[in-house]
Amino acid sequence: MKAEETWAEQATYMYDFHIQELQETGSMWEKLLKKYLGNIPGKKVLDTGCGTGFLSVILAKNGWKVTAIDNSSDMLEQAKVTAEQYGLSEYITFLKRDAEHTELASDTFDAVVSRHASWLFSEPVTAYKEWFRLLKSGGTLMNLDANWCIPLGTSEAAEQFVEDEKELIKRYGEFQDHYHDKEMMVALRQLPLAFQERPEWDKKVCEDLGFHSIEYDFLLEEGYWNPFLTLRYRAIPTFVLKAEK
C-alpha cells in the first residue's frame, strides 16, 4: 500500500489530533503564517495536501479566500467538519485533487501553502512545478515539512529519536505514533523524499524552477507543540521554506 493511502486511513484520528492542536498551539501557527504571508484579507491561497484542514481554518479566520485540496476523500470530509466547527465553511472551498496535478488555472493564487504533506508525494518535483504554475507573479510559496524518515536511518538524530521514545514511554506509557507505526514505516521507505536531505533538496528544486528569495528555517522555538510532541519530534524538527515567484 502506498504511503498516501496508508496515511489517509488515519483521517478520523488526524481530525481529533488537529482539533486539539488548534486549541493548544494554533495561535503560534497563526503568528507564523502572518510572519511569512502577512495578514492579507481577501487574497487567494491554496492549501495543498490540506488533510483535515489545520492551515485552512487558520487562514480563513484571518481573511484569506482559501482553496483546500487533498487526494483523500476521508481527509476532506474531516476537513469540512473542522471548518463547520469553526464557522468558516463559507470561506473555504474543498476539492479532491492531487497536489502534483491540480487541474486548477495558472496564475491564480497569491500564496500556496502546505504543511506536513510533501513528504508523502509520489512526484514531489512535479508538485513544486505545479505550485510555481499556480502562483501569481510575486506570489509566495510556504512549505512546512520535516524529515519524517530520520528514524529509518542510522544518524545521531535517529538514535536520539529512539532514546526520546523510551523517555516518553516512561512518562506517558505506551502510545501509538501514526507517522511511524509499523505499516507506515514500511510505506515510508518507498517514498521519493525518504532519504533526501531536506530542506536543502527543496531549496535546490525551487532554484531550478525559477523561484527567487528562497529561504528556510527550522521551528525550534517552544510553543508549536505540546510537551509530548515537543519531545517526540525534537529529532525531526519541522522546517519552513519560503520562496517567491
Protein backbone atom coordinates (compact mmCIF):
# COMPACT_ATOMS: atom_id res chain seq x y z
CA MET A 1 0.00 0.00 0.00
CA LYS A 2 1.28 3.48 -0.86
CA ALA A 3 2.19 5.83 1.96
CA GLU A 4 -0.54 8.30 0.93
CA GLU A 5 -3.17 5.56 1.11
CA THR A 6 -1.89 4.37 4.47
CA TRP A 7 -1.93 7.94 5.77
CA ALA A 8 -5.46 8.54 4.50
CA GLU A 9 -6.69 5.73 6.76
CA GLN A 10 -5.83 7.95 9.74
CA ALA A 11 -8.38 10.66 8.83
CA THR A 12 -10.54 10.33 11.95
CA TYR A 13 -7.53 10.25 14.23
CA MET A 14 -5.98 13.25 12.48
CA TYR A 15 -9.20 15.23 12.86
CA ASP A 16 -9.11 14.73 16.64
CA PHE A 17 -5.37 15.43 16.72
CA HIS A 18 -5.64 18.67 14.75
CA ILE A 19 -8.62 19.96 16.72
CA GLN A 20 -6.56 19.50 19.87
CA GLU A 21 -3.56 21.10 18.16
CA LEU A 22 -5.61 24.12 17.08
CA GLN A 23 -6.78 24.61 20.64
CA GLU A 24 -3.36 24.13 22.26
CA THR A 25 -0.91 25.73 19.83
CA GLY A 26 -2.97 27.21 16.98
CA SER A 27 -2.03 30.76 17.97
CA MET A 28 1.67 30.04 17.36
CA TRP A 29 0.97 28.72 13.88
CA GLU A 30 -1.20 31.75 13.20
CA LYS A 31 1.71 34.05 14.12
CA LEU A 32 3.99 32.04 11.83
CA LEU A 33 1.63 32.38 8.87
CA LYS A 34 1.34 36.12 9.44
CA LYS A 35 5.13 36.40 9.62
CA TYR A 36 5.68 34.72 6.25
CA LEU A 37 2.49 35.64 4.40
CA GLY A 38 1.26 38.78 6.11
CA ASN A 39 -2.33 39.32 7.16
CA ILE A 40 -3.91 39.90 3.76
CA PRO A 41 -7.73 39.73 3.84
CA GLY A 42 -9.38 38.89 0.56
CA LYS A 43 -6.37 37.37 -1.16
CA LYS A 44 -6.42 33.84 -2.53
CA VAL A 45 -4.43 30.98 -1.02
CA LEU A 46 -4.16 27.31 -1.95
CA ASP A 47 -3.72 24.84 0.91
CA THR A 48 -2.30 21.78 -0.83
CA GLY A 49 -2.44 18.44 0.93
CA CYS A 50 -4.78 20.12 3.40
CA GLY A 51 -5.52 16.97 5.40
CA THR A 52 -8.16 17.73 8.00
CA GLY A 53 -7.91 21.48 7.42
CA PHE A 54 -5.46 22.73 10.05
CA LEU A 55 -3.94 25.55 7.99
CA SER A 56 -7.15 26.21 6.07
CA VAL A 57 -9.14 27.27 9.12
CA ILE A 58 -6.34 29.50 10.43
CA LEU A 59 -6.02 31.22 7.05
CA ALA A 60 -9.78 31.62 6.61
CA LYS A 61 -10.02 33.04 10.12
CA ASN A 62 -7.56 35.73 9.02
CA GLY A 63 -9.47 36.78 5.92
CA TRP A 64 -7.89 34.66 3.19
CA LYS A 65 -10.05 33.11 0.47
CA VAL A 66 -8.97 29.50 0.79
CA THR A 67 -8.99 26.69 -1.73
CA ALA A 68 -8.06 23.47 0.08
CA ILE A 69 -7.12 20.31 -1.82
CA ASP A 70 -6.32 16.75 -0.83
CA ASN A 71 -6.38 13.47 -2.71
CA SER A 72 -8.16 11.69 0.17
CA SER A 73 -11.95 11.91 0.36
CA ASP A 74 -11.81 10.85 4.01
CA MET A 75 -9.41 13.66 4.90
CA LEU A 76 -11.57 16.20 3.05
CA GLU A 77 -14.71 15.08 4.87
CA GLN A 78 -12.97 15.60 8.19
CA ALA A 79 -11.66 18.98 6.98
CA LYS A 80 -15.21 20.07 6.21
CA VAL A 81 -16.22 19.12 9.75
CA THR A 82 -13.32 21.21 11.09
CA ALA A 83 -14.41 24.22 9.03
CA GLU A 84 -18.00 23.83 10.22
CA GLN A 85 -16.89 23.61 13.83
CA TYR A 86 -15.07 26.92 13.48
CA GLY A 87 -17.86 28.58 11.48
CA LEU A 88 -15.64 29.03 8.43
CA SER A 89 -17.22 26.75 5.83
CA GLU A 90 -18.26 29.60 3.52
CA TYR A 91 -14.68 30.87 3.30
CA ILE A 92 -13.06 27.57 2.26
CA THR A 93 -13.57 25.63 -0.97
CA PHE A 94 -12.60 21.98 -0.57
CA LEU A 95 -11.61 19.98 -3.67
CA LYS A 96 -10.38 16.45 -4.18
CA ARG A 97 -7.21 16.95 -6.23
CA ASP A 98 -3.65 15.68 -6.42
CA ALA A 99 -1.02 18.22 -5.42
CA GLU A 100 1.00 17.23 -8.48
CA HIS A 101 -1.88 17.61 -10.96
CA THR A 102 -4.44 20.05 -9.57
CA GLU A 103 -6.25 20.94 -12.84
CA LEU A 104 -6.57 24.49 -11.48
CA ALA A 105 -5.93 27.62 -13.54
CA SER A 106 -2.42 29.08 -13.79
CA ASP A 107 -1.51 32.35 -12.06
CA THR A 108 -4.45 32.06 -9.68
CA PHE A 109 -3.15 32.29 -6.13
CA ASP A 110 -1.38 34.93 -4.09
CA ALA A 111 0.03 32.17 -1.89
CA VAL A 112 0.42 28.41 -1.88
CA VAL A 113 0.91 26.67 1.46
CA SER A 114 1.46 23.10 2.54
CA ARG A 115 2.00 21.56 5.97
CA HIS A 116 3.36 18.10 6.66
CA ALA A 117 2.20 16.82 3.28
CA SER A 118 5.00 16.92 0.72
CA TRP A 119 6.88 14.05 2.35
CA LEU A 120 4.09 11.78 1.08
CA PHE A 121 4.15 12.95 -2.55
CA SER A 122 4.97 10.38 -5.23
CA GLU A 123 6.08 13.17 -7.59
CA PRO A 124 7.49 15.94 -5.38
CA VAL A 125 9.33 17.79 -8.18
CA THR A 126 6.12 17.84 -10.21
CA ALA A 127 4.31 19.26 -7.18
CA TYR A 128 6.78 22.13 -6.94
CA LYS A 129 6.35 22.79 -10.67
CA GLU A 130 2.58 22.87 -10.16
CA TRP A 131 2.88 25.29 -7.26
CA PHE A 132 5.02 27.60 -9.37
CA ARG A 133 2.44 27.48 -12.18
CA LEU A 134 -0.48 28.22 -9.86
CA LEU A 135 1.12 31.23 -8.17
CA LYS A 136 0.63 34.74 -9.46
CA SER A 137 3.76 36.71 -10.25
CA GLY A 138 5.05 37.94 -6.92
CA GLY A 139 3.16 35.18 -5.09
CA THR A 140 4.55 33.31 -2.09
CA LEU A 141 5.15 29.60 -1.55
CA MET A 142 5.32 28.41 2.05
CA ASN A 143 6.06 24.73 2.62
CA LEU A 144 6.18 23.30 6.13
CA ASP A 145 7.50 19.77 6.46
CA ALA A 146 10.09 17.60 8.21
CA ASN A 147 12.48 14.72 7.57
CA TRP A 148 9.97 12.20 8.89
CA CYS A 149 12.10 9.26 7.76
CA ILE A 150 15.01 10.07 10.08
CA PRO A 151 14.11 7.08 12.34
CA LEU A 152 14.76 4.76 9.39
CA GLY A 153 18.41 5.84 9.23
CA THR A 154 21.48 5.47 11.43
CA SER A 155 22.25 9.12 12.20
CA GLU A 156 22.61 10.72 15.62
CA ALA A 157 19.12 12.10 15.11
CA ALA A 158 17.80 8.57 14.60
CA GLU A 159 19.45 7.46 17.83
CA GLN A 160 18.01 10.49 19.62
CA PHE A 161 14.54 9.61 18.33
CA VAL A 162 14.82 6.12 19.86
CA GLU A 163 16.05 7.47 23.20
CA ASP A 164 13.28 10.07 23.29
CA GLU A 165 10.72 7.33 22.63
CA LYS A 166 11.96 5.40 25.66
CA GLU A 167 11.67 8.52 27.80
CA LEU A 168 8.15 9.21 26.54
CA ILE A 169 7.05 5.67 27.41
CA LYS A 170 8.40 6.19 30.94
CA ARG A 171 6.47 9.43 31.28
CA TYR A 172 3.24 8.62 29.45
CA GLY A 173 3.11 4.85 28.96
CA GLU A 174 2.80 3.05 25.64
CA PHE A 175 1.46 5.17 22.79
CA GLN A 176 0.80 4.97 19.05
CA ASP A 177 2.63 7.24 16.62
CA HIS A 178 0.61 7.31 13.41
CA TYR A 179 3.53 8.82 11.50
CA HIS A 180 5.82 5.96 12.46
CA ASP A 181 3.75 2.86 13.12
CA LYS A 182 4.96 -0.43 11.61
CA GLU A 183 2.82 -0.31 8.46
CA MET A 184 3.62 3.32 7.83
CA MET A 185 7.34 2.74 8.24
CA VAL A 186 7.25 0.10 5.52
CA ALA A 187 5.50 2.51 3.18
CA LEU A 188 7.84 5.36 4.08
CA ARG A 189 10.85 3.56 2.66
CA GLN A 190 9.33 3.71 -0.81
CA LEU A 191 8.87 7.48 -0.86
CA PRO A 192 10.99 9.63 -3.22
CA LEU A 193 11.85 12.00 -0.38
CA ALA A 194 12.50 9.29 2.21
CA PHE A 195 16.24 9.80 2.40
CA GLN A 196 16.72 13.24 0.84
CA GLU A 197 18.41 15.98 2.84
CA ARG A 198 15.61 18.43 3.38
CA PRO A 199 15.02 21.35 3.13
CA GLU A 200 18.26 21.63 1.12
CA TRP A 201 16.69 19.40 -1.53
CA ASP A 202 13.59 21.60 -1.67
CA LYS A 203 15.66 24.77 -1.97
CA LYS A 204 17.58 23.35 -4.96
CA VAL A 205 14.35 22.35 -6.71
CA CYS A 206 12.91 25.84 -6.16
CA GLU A 207 16.06 27.43 -7.58
CA ASP A 208 15.91 25.20 -10.66
CA LEU A 209 12.25 26.09 -11.26
CA GLY A 210 12.83 29.83 -11.14
CA PHE A 211 11.67 30.74 -7.66
CA HIS A 212 13.62 33.54 -6.00
CA SER A 213 14.13 34.96 -2.49
CA ILE A 214 14.27 31.38 -1.22
CA GLU A 215 14.84 30.95 2.50
CA TYR A 216 14.25 28.32 5.12
CA ASP A 217 14.40 27.86 8.86
CA PHE A 218 13.55 25.25 11.48
CA LEU A 219 10.77 25.65 14.03
CA LEU A 220 12.81 25.13 17.17
CA GLU A 221 11.02 27.68 19.32
CA GLU A 222 8.80 26.33 22.07
CA GLY A 223 5.08 26.69 21.58
CA TYR A 224 4.44 24.95 18.28
CA TRP A 225 3.86 21.62 20.04
CA ASN A 226 2.54 20.42 23.36
CA PRO A 227 5.10 18.91 25.79
CA PHE A 228 4.61 15.37 24.47
CA LEU A 229 5.14 16.29 20.82
CA THR A 230 8.00 18.65 21.65
CA LEU A 231 9.99 15.68 22.93
CA ARG A 232 8.65 13.19 20.38
CA TYR A 233 9.77 15.18 17.36
CA ARG A 234 12.73 17.20 18.62
CA ALA A 235 14.99 14.95 16.49
CA ILE A 236 12.76 15.68 13.48
CA PRO A 237 12.20 19.46 13.55
CA THR A 238 9.68 20.96 11.17
CA PHE A 239 11.20 23.30 8.62
CA VAL A 240 9.53 26.23 6.89
CA LEU A 241 10.62 27.03 3.37
CA LYS A 242 9.52 30.27 1.73
CA ALA A 243 10.01 31.22 -1.92
CA GLU A 244 8.71 33.91 -4.23
CA LYS A 245 7.61 33.62 -7.86
